[in-house]
């Protein structure tokens, strides 16, 4: 009941305060089929979209490039491999992208490909010795591409594999520790692979884990403080991971396209402005110059071809802003809110969603007692001289 209340509050606040922060961009050219499950990635100043499945459930192999600075699209030569939907791809630190797996009609795939934007060429790489699958997790971390979970011919999977870019070879790693599942969320941060949520035999999940390549070990982390989540999109930016849109507990659209930010230092989640409209099944996204571009997806039998942009830099970097990072945890919080920052502040103020001042004081501790706060979402503003910075936290009891 408490988590449901928090979700409703998040939706109402997001609709009222944040919807204007998303900006619609130019649609792809007329040759483009609206689709779900596009493979999306960003390299340099460009976002890329390749493959996917259209409204008629036809797997695709067309390839497009989006120039974010000019808000323009360009069609590129088709992907040379098998047309597919339900595939995944990631950009790596070497300036190339990697893509594979997926579904061609009823055939599961396990081929693997590299795209080099300098030559605009695709190269087929070593095929994974694992089971063919669609809906896997695919994460770039520490010079390797990690692939695991997904839907195989015999059901959901939980195996975990590392592709070594330098040697063009695959190595099996310890299994994902949660239950077998497909269509999880995932991202890579600080050389580690983060995986969780998704759909398994017992429903939609919200558990979350990290794989450390240095120790070959998995660790369970804080679960998402909201509905279970499946079939959305994800990205990483400035050392944090993000979940965007997808289906909720009932594997249906949620009232808004929720966006959640994960802080690996605090092991905590924070809600950010949702994209306009209800959430979508199987959209894509890419980040260029700190702006996330949310693309396509499916709702109730309809596929989309629109693109929406949200500037992640809007939350930081103004001339009057405290520049040091501030982390609040736990978030949501029940009793004591801990503020982690290298900065020292002069004062703070806490406001509720109506703008009413709830608490203020001089800054003499990094712990704030919120045990008497009602459930809800709050803003805390920190002051130092003429500068300030605002963060959000939730109270759930």
Protein backbone atom coordinates (compact mmCIF):
# COMPACT_ATOMS: atom_id res chain seq x y z
CA UNK A 1 0.00 0.00 0.00
CA UNK A 2 2.84 2.39 0.93
CA UNK A 3 4.74 1.71 -2.28
CA UNK A 4 1.55 2.12 -4.28
CA UNK A 5 1.02 5.50 -2.62
CA UNK A 6 4.55 6.53 -3.48
CA UNK A 7 4.03 5.52 -7.10
CA UNK A 8 0.83 7.59 -7.35
CA UNK A 9 2.58 10.59 -5.82
CA UNK A 10 5.49 10.21 -8.24
CA UNK A 11 3.13 10.09 -11.21
CA UNK A 12 1.17 13.17 -10.14
CA UNK A 13 4.29 15.20 -9.42
CA UNK A 14 5.97 14.15 -12.64
CA UNK A 15 2.95 15.11 -14.73
CA UNK A 16 2.56 18.49 -13.04
CA UNK A 17 6.18 19.59 -12.69
CA UNK A 18 8.37 17.78 -15.16
CA UNK A 19 6.48 17.04 -18.38
CA UNK A 20 7.71 20.27 -19.98
CA UNK A 21 11.34 19.12 -19.63
CA UNK A 22 10.90 16.56 -22.40
CA UNK A 23 11.13 17.95 -25.94
CA UNK A 24 9.89 16.24 -29.09
CA UNK A 25 12.41 15.94 -31.92
CA UNK A 26 12.20 15.22 -35.63
CA UNK A 27 10.73 11.88 -36.67
CA UNK A 28 12.77 9.54 -38.90
CA UNK A 29 12.29 9.80 -42.70
CA UNK A 30 9.23 8.43 -44.52
CA UNK A 31 11.08 5.21 -45.36
CA UNK A 32 11.21 4.33 -41.67
CA UNK A 33 8.84 1.69 -40.25
CA UNK A 34 7.54 2.40 -36.74
CA UNK A 35 8.82 -0.40 -34.52
CA UNK A 36 9.44 -1.98 -31.16
CA UNK A 37 12.69 -3.56 -29.95
CA UNK A 38 15.02 -1.35 -31.98
CA UNK A 39 18.73 -1.80 -31.30
CA UNK A 40 19.95 1.65 -30.25
CA UNK A 41 23.36 3.05 -29.34
CA UNK A 42 25.30 6.32 -29.50
CA UNK A 43 28.81 6.96 -30.79
CA UNK A 44 30.15 10.50 -30.74
CA UNK A 45 27.58 13.05 -31.88
CA UNK A 46 25.29 10.43 -33.45
CA UNK A 47 22.58 8.08 -32.27
CA UNK A 48 21.98 4.87 -34.23
CA UNK A 49 18.89 2.72 -34.76
CA UNK A 50 19.04 -0.70 -36.40
CA UNK A 51 16.67 -3.69 -36.77
CA UNK A 52 13.56 -4.16 -34.63
CA UNK A 53 10.09 -5.42 -35.42
CA UNK A 54 7.35 -3.37 -37.10
CA UNK A 55 3.63 -3.21 -36.35
CA UNK A 56 2.99 -6.21 -38.60
CA UNK A 57 5.58 -8.15 -36.53
CA UNK A 58 7.97 -8.29 -39.48
CA UNK A 59 11.63 -8.41 -38.38
CA UNK A 60 13.73 -5.62 -39.88
CA UNK A 61 17.33 -4.96 -40.93
CA UNK A 62 17.32 -1.29 -41.91
CA UNK A 63 19.81 1.10 -40.30
CA UNK A 64 19.52 4.82 -39.48
CA UNK A 65 21.74 7.51 -38.01
CA UNK A 66 20.47 10.53 -36.07
CA UNK A 67 22.54 13.73 -35.88
CA UNK A 68 21.54 15.16 -32.52
CA UNK A 69 23.01 18.63 -33.05
CA UNK A 70 21.05 19.16 -36.27
CA UNK A 71 17.99 17.07 -35.33
CA UNK A 72 18.27 15.22 -38.66
CA UNK A 73 18.11 11.59 -39.77
CA UNK A 74 20.04 9.67 -42.43
CA UNK A 75 19.38 6.17 -43.75
CA UNK A 76 22.48 3.97 -43.91
CA UNK A 77 23.05 0.68 -45.77
CA UNK A 78 21.12 -2.22 -44.26
CA UNK A 79 22.56 -4.36 -41.51
CA UNK A 80 24.15 -7.30 -43.41
CA UNK A 81 23.11 -10.06 -41.01
CA UNK A 82 19.80 -11.81 -40.57
CA UNK A 83 16.87 -9.45 -40.11
CA UNK A 84 15.65 -9.60 -36.54
CA UNK A 85 13.69 -8.22 -33.62
CA UNK A 86 14.27 -8.62 -29.86
CA UNK A 87 18.02 -8.09 -30.36
CA UNK A 88 20.37 -5.90 -28.32
CA UNK A 89 23.47 -3.80 -28.86
CA UNK A 90 25.90 -1.57 -26.98
CA UNK A 91 28.58 0.98 -27.78
CA UNK A 92 32.00 0.15 -26.34
CA UNK A 93 34.85 2.32 -25.10
CA UNK A 94 36.79 1.63 -28.32
CA UNK A 95 34.34 3.74 -30.34
CA UNK A 96 32.61 0.76 -31.96
CA UNK A 97 29.25 -0.91 -31.36
CA UNK A 98 28.41 -4.58 -30.77
CA UNK A 99 25.12 -6.29 -31.49
CA UNK A 100 23.64 -9.76 -31.69
CA UNK A 101 21.16 -12.44 -30.67
CA UNK A 102 17.44 -11.81 -31.20
CA UNK A 103 14.59 -13.49 -33.04
CA UNK A 104 13.90 -14.00 -36.74
CA UNK A 105 10.28 -15.14 -36.88
CA UNK A 106 10.50 -18.29 -34.73
CA UNK A 107 14.28 -18.76 -34.96
CA UNK A 108 16.43 -17.70 -32.02
CA UNK A 109 19.82 -16.28 -32.94
CA UNK A 110 23.25 -16.11 -31.31
CA UNK A 111 25.44 -14.43 -33.92
CA UNK A 112 27.49 -11.39 -32.94
CA UNK A 113 28.51 -8.31 -34.93
CA UNK A 114 30.72 -5.23 -34.69
CA UNK A 115 29.95 -1.86 -36.28
CA UNK A 116 32.78 0.60 -36.98
CA UNK A 117 31.46 4.14 -37.59
CA UNK A 118 34.81 5.21 -39.08
CA UNK A 119 34.41 2.81 -42.00
CA UNK A 120 30.62 2.42 -41.72
CA UNK A 121 31.15 -1.33 -41.95
CA UNK A 122 29.71 -4.30 -40.08
CA UNK A 123 31.95 -7.29 -39.28
CA UNK A 124 30.68 -10.65 -38.09
CA UNK A 125 32.49 -11.89 -34.98
CA UNK A 126 32.79 -15.21 -33.17
CA UNK A 127 29.41 -16.80 -32.51
CA UNK A 128 28.58 -17.31 -28.86
CA UNK A 129 28.95 -20.99 -27.82
CA UNK A 130 25.92 -20.45 -25.60
CA UNK A 131 22.28 -21.21 -26.30
CA UNK A 132 20.58 -19.06 -28.93
CA UNK A 133 18.22 -16.52 -27.35
CA UNK A 134 16.30 -13.30 -27.54
CA UNK A 135 15.67 -10.64 -24.85
CA UNK A 136 19.09 -11.03 -23.17
CA UNK A 137 21.01 -8.51 -21.09
CA UNK A 138 24.02 -7.02 -22.91
CA UNK A 139 26.50 -4.87 -21.00
CA UNK A 140 29.85 -3.29 -21.90
CA UNK A 141 32.31 -3.30 -19.00
CA UNK A 142 36.09 -3.42 -18.64
CA UNK A 143 36.90 -4.19 -22.27
CA UNK A 144 34.36 -6.98 -22.56
CA UNK A 145 30.74 -7.39 -23.63
CA UNK A 146 28.69 -9.42 -21.16
CA UNK A 147 25.61 -11.30 -22.35
CA UNK A 148 23.23 -13.42 -20.32
CA UNK A 149 19.71 -14.31 -19.29
CA UNK A 150 17.08 -14.15 -22.06
CA UNK A 151 14.59 -16.53 -23.63
CA UNK A 152 16.01 -19.77 -25.07
CA UNK A 153 14.34 -22.65 -26.85
CA UNK A 154 13.64 -24.37 -23.53
CA UNK A 155 12.54 -21.32 -21.58
CA UNK A 156 14.12 -18.55 -19.56
CA UNK A 157 17.87 -18.54 -19.01
CA UNK A 158 20.31 -17.33 -16.34
CA UNK A 159 23.73 -18.15 -17.81
CA UNK A 160 26.32 -15.36 -18.17
CA UNK A 161 29.00 -14.98 -20.86
CA UNK A 162 31.86 -12.58 -21.54
CA UNK A 163 32.94 -11.63 -25.06
CA UNK A 164 36.57 -10.45 -25.15
CA UNK A 165 36.92 -7.74 -27.80
CA UNK A 166 40.70 -8.11 -28.12
CA UNK A 167 40.69 -11.89 -28.70
CA UNK A 168 37.28 -12.27 -30.39
CA UNK A 169 36.39 -15.07 -27.97
CA UNK A 170 33.70 -16.03 -25.46
CA UNK A 171 34.10 -17.31 -21.89
CA UNK A 172 31.35 -18.59 -19.61
CA UNK A 173 31.09 -16.87 -16.25
CA UNK A 174 29.13 -17.64 -13.05
CA UNK A 175 25.38 -17.69 -13.62
CA UNK A 176 23.20 -14.69 -12.91
CA UNK A 177 22.13 -15.30 -9.26
CA UNK A 178 18.45 -14.40 -9.55
CA UNK A 179 15.78 -16.61 -11.08
CA UNK A 180 15.93 -17.24 -14.81
CA UNK A 181 14.34 -14.41 -16.80
CA UNK A 182 14.14 -12.51 -20.06
CA UNK A 183 13.96 -8.82 -21.01
CA UNK A 184 15.78 -7.52 -17.93
CA UNK A 185 17.19 -4.02 -17.50
CA UNK A 186 20.96 -3.55 -17.45
CA UNK A 187 23.84 -1.08 -17.69
CA UNK A 188 27.59 -0.89 -17.13
CA UNK A 189 29.15 1.41 -14.51
CA UNK A 190 32.75 1.70 -13.36
CA UNK A 191 33.81 -1.55 -15.00
CA UNK A 192 30.93 -3.57 -13.52
CA UNK A 193 27.76 -5.01 -15.03
CA UNK A 194 24.38 -4.27 -13.41
CA UNK A 195 21.38 -6.50 -14.23
CA UNK A 196 17.91 -6.93 -12.78
CA UNK A 197 14.12 -6.86 -13.08
CA UNK A 198 12.60 -8.57 -16.15
CA UNK A 199 10.07 -11.36 -16.66
CA UNK A 200 10.35 -14.93 -15.41
CA UNK A 201 8.15 -17.91 -14.71
CA UNK A 202 6.79 -16.26 -11.54
CA UNK A 203 5.97 -12.84 -12.94
CA UNK A 204 7.69 -9.47 -13.17
CA UNK A 205 10.68 -8.82 -10.91
CA UNK A 206 12.38 -5.85 -9.28
CA UNK A 207 15.48 -7.46 -7.75
CA UNK A 208 18.86 -6.09 -8.84
CA UNK A 209 22.46 -7.37 -8.97
CA UNK A 210 25.99 -6.37 -9.92
CA UNK A 211 28.68 -8.54 -11.50
CA UNK A 212 32.31 -7.67 -10.69
CA UNK A 213 34.68 -8.95 -13.41
CA UNK A 214 37.65 -8.67 -11.05
CA UNK A 215 36.20 -11.20 -8.62
CA UNK A 216 33.86 -13.09 -10.99
CA UNK A 217 31.20 -12.62 -8.32
CA UNK A 218 27.65 -11.31 -8.16
CA UNK A 219 26.22 -9.15 -5.36
CA UNK A 220 22.56 -8.39 -4.69
CA UNK A 221 21.70 -4.68 -4.49
CA UNK A 222 18.75 -2.49 -3.50
CA UNK A 223 15.59 -3.39 -5.36
CA UNK A 224 13.59 -0.82 -7.32
CA UNK A 225 11.24 1.07 -4.93
CA UNK A 226 8.33 0.86 -7.34
CA UNK A 227 6.48 -1.71 -9.44
CA UNK A 228 8.40 -4.61 -10.93
CA UNK A 229 9.65 -3.69 -14.37
CA UNK A 230 10.16 -5.37 -17.73
CA UNK A 231 10.70 -4.48 -21.38
CA UNK A 232 11.83 -0.88 -21.10
CA UNK A 233 15.11 0.74 -22.07
CA UNK A 234 18.18 1.80 -20.12
CA UNK A 235 21.32 3.91 -20.30
CA UNK A 236 24.23 5.17 -18.23
CA UNK A 237 25.47 8.75 -17.78
CA UNK A 238 28.08 10.37 -15.53
CA UNK A 239 28.58 7.30 -13.37
CA UNK A 240 24.90 6.55 -12.80
CA UNK A 241 22.50 4.10 -14.41
CA UNK A 242 18.98 4.85 -15.62
CA UNK A 243 15.80 2.88 -16.29
CA UNK A 244 13.22 4.37 -18.64
CA UNK A 245 9.66 3.28 -19.45
CA UNK A 246 8.62 -0.38 -19.86
CA UNK A 247 5.77 -2.46 -18.47
CA UNK A 248 4.86 -2.72 -14.80
CA UNK A 249 3.77 -5.53 -12.49
CA UNK A 250 0.93 -6.67 -14.75
CA UNK A 251 3.11 -6.62 -17.90
CA UNK A 252 1.01 -3.73 -19.16
CA UNK A 253 1.67 -0.01 -19.64
CA UNK A 254 1.98 2.23 -16.60
CA UNK A 255 0.26 5.64 -16.44
CA UNK A 256 3.57 7.41 -17.10
CA UNK A 257 6.89 6.48 -18.66
CA UNK A 258 8.82 6.43 -15.40
CA UNK A 259 12.54 7.21 -15.34
CA UNK A 260 14.66 6.04 -12.41
CA UNK A 261 18.27 6.93 -11.60
CA UNK A 262 20.54 4.43 -9.82
CA UNK A 263 23.49 5.67 -7.74
CA UNK A 264 26.04 2.84 -7.37
CA UNK A 265 27.88 4.59 -4.52
CA UNK A 266 24.82 4.89 -2.32
CA UNK A 267 23.08 1.80 -3.79
CA UNK A 268 19.91 3.86 -4.07
CA UNK A 269 17.20 4.80 -6.57
CA UNK A 270 15.68 8.21 -7.30
CA UNK A 271 12.71 9.06 -9.52
CA UNK A 272 13.20 11.52 -12.41
CA UNK A 273 10.71 13.14 -14.83
CA UNK A 274 8.82 10.52 -16.91
CA UNK A 275 8.58 10.80 -20.66
CA UNK A 276 5.24 12.15 -21.97
CA UNK A 277 2.32 9.74 -22.24
CA UNK A 278 1.96 6.29 -20.77
CA UNK A 279 4.88 3.90 -20.61
CA UNK A 280 5.85 1.83 -23.66
CA UNK A 281 6.85 -1.76 -24.20
CA UNK A 282 10.21 -2.29 -25.92
CA UNK A 283 11.34 1.25 -26.79
CA UNK A 284 14.96 2.28 -27.30
CA UNK A 285 17.19 5.16 -26.28
CA UNK A 286 20.62 6.71 -26.77
CA UNK A 287 22.52 9.52 -25.04
CA UNK A 288 24.37 12.26 -26.96
CA UNK A 289 26.08 15.16 -25.13
CA UNK A 290 24.16 14.49 -21.93
CA UNK A 291 20.77 14.39 -23.64
CA UNK A 292 18.85 11.11 -23.60
CA UNK A 293 16.75 10.46 -26.70
CA UNK A 294 13.80 8.13 -26.12
CA UNK A 295 12.56 6.41 -29.27
CA UNK A 296 9.73 4.23 -30.57
CA UNK A 297 8.15 1.28 -28.73
CA UNK A 298 4.69 -0.27 -28.54
CA UNK A 299 1.43 0.33 -26.66
CA UNK A 300 -1.65 -1.89 -27.07
CA UNK A 301 -0.83 -3.06 -30.58
CA UNK A 302 0.42 0.29 -31.88
CA UNK A 303 4.08 0.97 -32.70
CA UNK A 304 5.60 4.45 -32.62
CA UNK A 305 8.17 6.41 -34.59
CA UNK A 306 8.47 9.55 -32.45
CA UNK A 307 11.55 10.70 -30.55
CA UNK A 308 11.68 12.65 -27.29
CA UNK A 309 14.72 14.25 -25.67
CA UNK A 310 15.49 15.04 -22.03
CA UNK A 311 18.55 17.05 -21.03
CA UNK A 312 20.20 15.26 -18.13
CA UNK A 313 22.40 18.33 -17.69
CA UNK A 314 19.35 20.39 -16.63
CA UNK A 315 19.86 18.98 -13.15
CA UNK A 316 23.45 20.25 -12.84
CA UNK A 317 25.87 22.87 -13.97
CA UNK A 318 24.28 26.32 -13.66
CA UNK A 319 26.54 29.17 -12.54
CA UNK A 320 24.71 29.42 -9.20
CA UNK A 321 24.84 25.68 -8.53
CA UNK A 322 26.92 23.91 -5.93
CA UNK A 323 29.18 21.78 -8.10
CA UNK A 324 29.99 18.97 -5.68
CA UNK A 325 28.01 15.73 -5.94
CA UNK A 326 25.40 15.19 -3.24
CA UNK A 327 24.02 11.73 -2.53
CA UNK A 328 20.99 11.04 -0.34
CA UNK A 329 20.46 7.61 1.16
CA UNK A 330 18.58 5.54 1.88
CA UNK A 331 16.16 6.84 -0.72
CA UNK A 332 13.27 6.13 -0.08
CA UNK A 333 13.92 6.75 3.62
CA UNK A 334 11.99 5.92 6.79
CA UNK A 335 13.80 7.60 9.68
CA UNK A 336 17.27 9.07 9.14
CA UNK A 337 18.24 10.69 5.82
CA UNK A 338 22.01 10.64 5.31
CA UNK A 339 23.62 13.29 3.12
CA UNK A 340 26.91 12.30 1.52
CA UNK A 341 28.99 15.11 0.00
CA UNK A 342 32.54 16.43 0.07
CA UNK A 343 31.02 19.90 0.38
CA UNK A 344 30.07 21.65 3.62
CA UNK A 345 26.94 23.81 3.55
CA UNK A 346 25.66 26.87 5.37
CA UNK A 347 22.02 25.80 5.62
CA UNK A 348 19.28 23.62 4.18
CA UNK A 349 15.52 23.71 3.56
CA UNK A 350 13.07 20.86 2.94
CA UNK A 351 9.84 21.51 1.00
CA UNK A 352 6.90 19.28 0.17
CA UNK A 353 5.42 18.98 -3.33
CA UNK A 354 3.20 22.02 -2.82
CA UNK A 355 6.23 24.17 -2.04
CA UNK A 356 5.44 24.37 1.68
CA UNK A 357 8.49 24.67 3.91
CA UNK A 358 8.65 21.59 6.16
CA UNK A 359 12.04 21.98 7.83
CA UNK A 360 15.05 24.29 7.71
CA UNK A 361 18.20 24.76 9.69
CA UNK A 362 21.90 25.47 9.78
CA UNK A 363 24.11 22.71 8.44
CA UNK A 364 25.92 20.98 11.29
CA UNK A 365 25.36 17.28 10.57
CA UNK A 366 25.04 14.91 7.63
CA UNK A 367 21.96 13.20 9.12
CA UNK A 368 18.42 14.60 9.09
CA UNK A 369 15.61 13.04 11.11
CA UNK A 370 12.54 12.66 8.87
CA UNK A 371 10.73 10.09 11.00
CA UNK A 372 7.76 12.45 11.53
CA UNK A 373 7.37 13.26 7.80
CA UNK A 374 4.27 11.85 6.07
CA UNK A 375 4.81 9.52 3.13
CA UNK A 376 5.60 11.51 0.02
CA UNK A 377 8.25 13.13 -2.14
CA UNK A 378 10.29 16.08 -0.85
CA UNK A 379 12.86 18.53 -2.14
CA UNK A 380 15.91 19.41 -0.06
CA UNK A 381 17.84 22.54 -1.00
CA UNK A 382 21.40 23.08 0.19
CA UNK A 383 22.91 26.59 0.47
CA UNK A 384 26.50 27.79 0.47
CA UNK A 385 27.02 31.50 0.03
CA UNK A 386 25.19 32.53 -3.13
CA UNK A 387 25.08 28.98 -4.48
CA UNK A 388 22.52 26.27 -3.95
CA UNK A 389 21.59 22.78 -5.10
CA UNK A 390 18.35 20.82 -4.87
CA UNK A 391 17.92 17.07 -4.55
CA UNK A 392 14.79 14.94 -4.08
CA UNK A 393 13.99 12.12 -1.72
CA UNK A 394 10.97 9.99 -0.82
CA UNK A 395 9.62 9.02 2.58
CA UNK A 396 7.99 5.58 2.79
CA UNK A 397 6.99 3.91 6.07
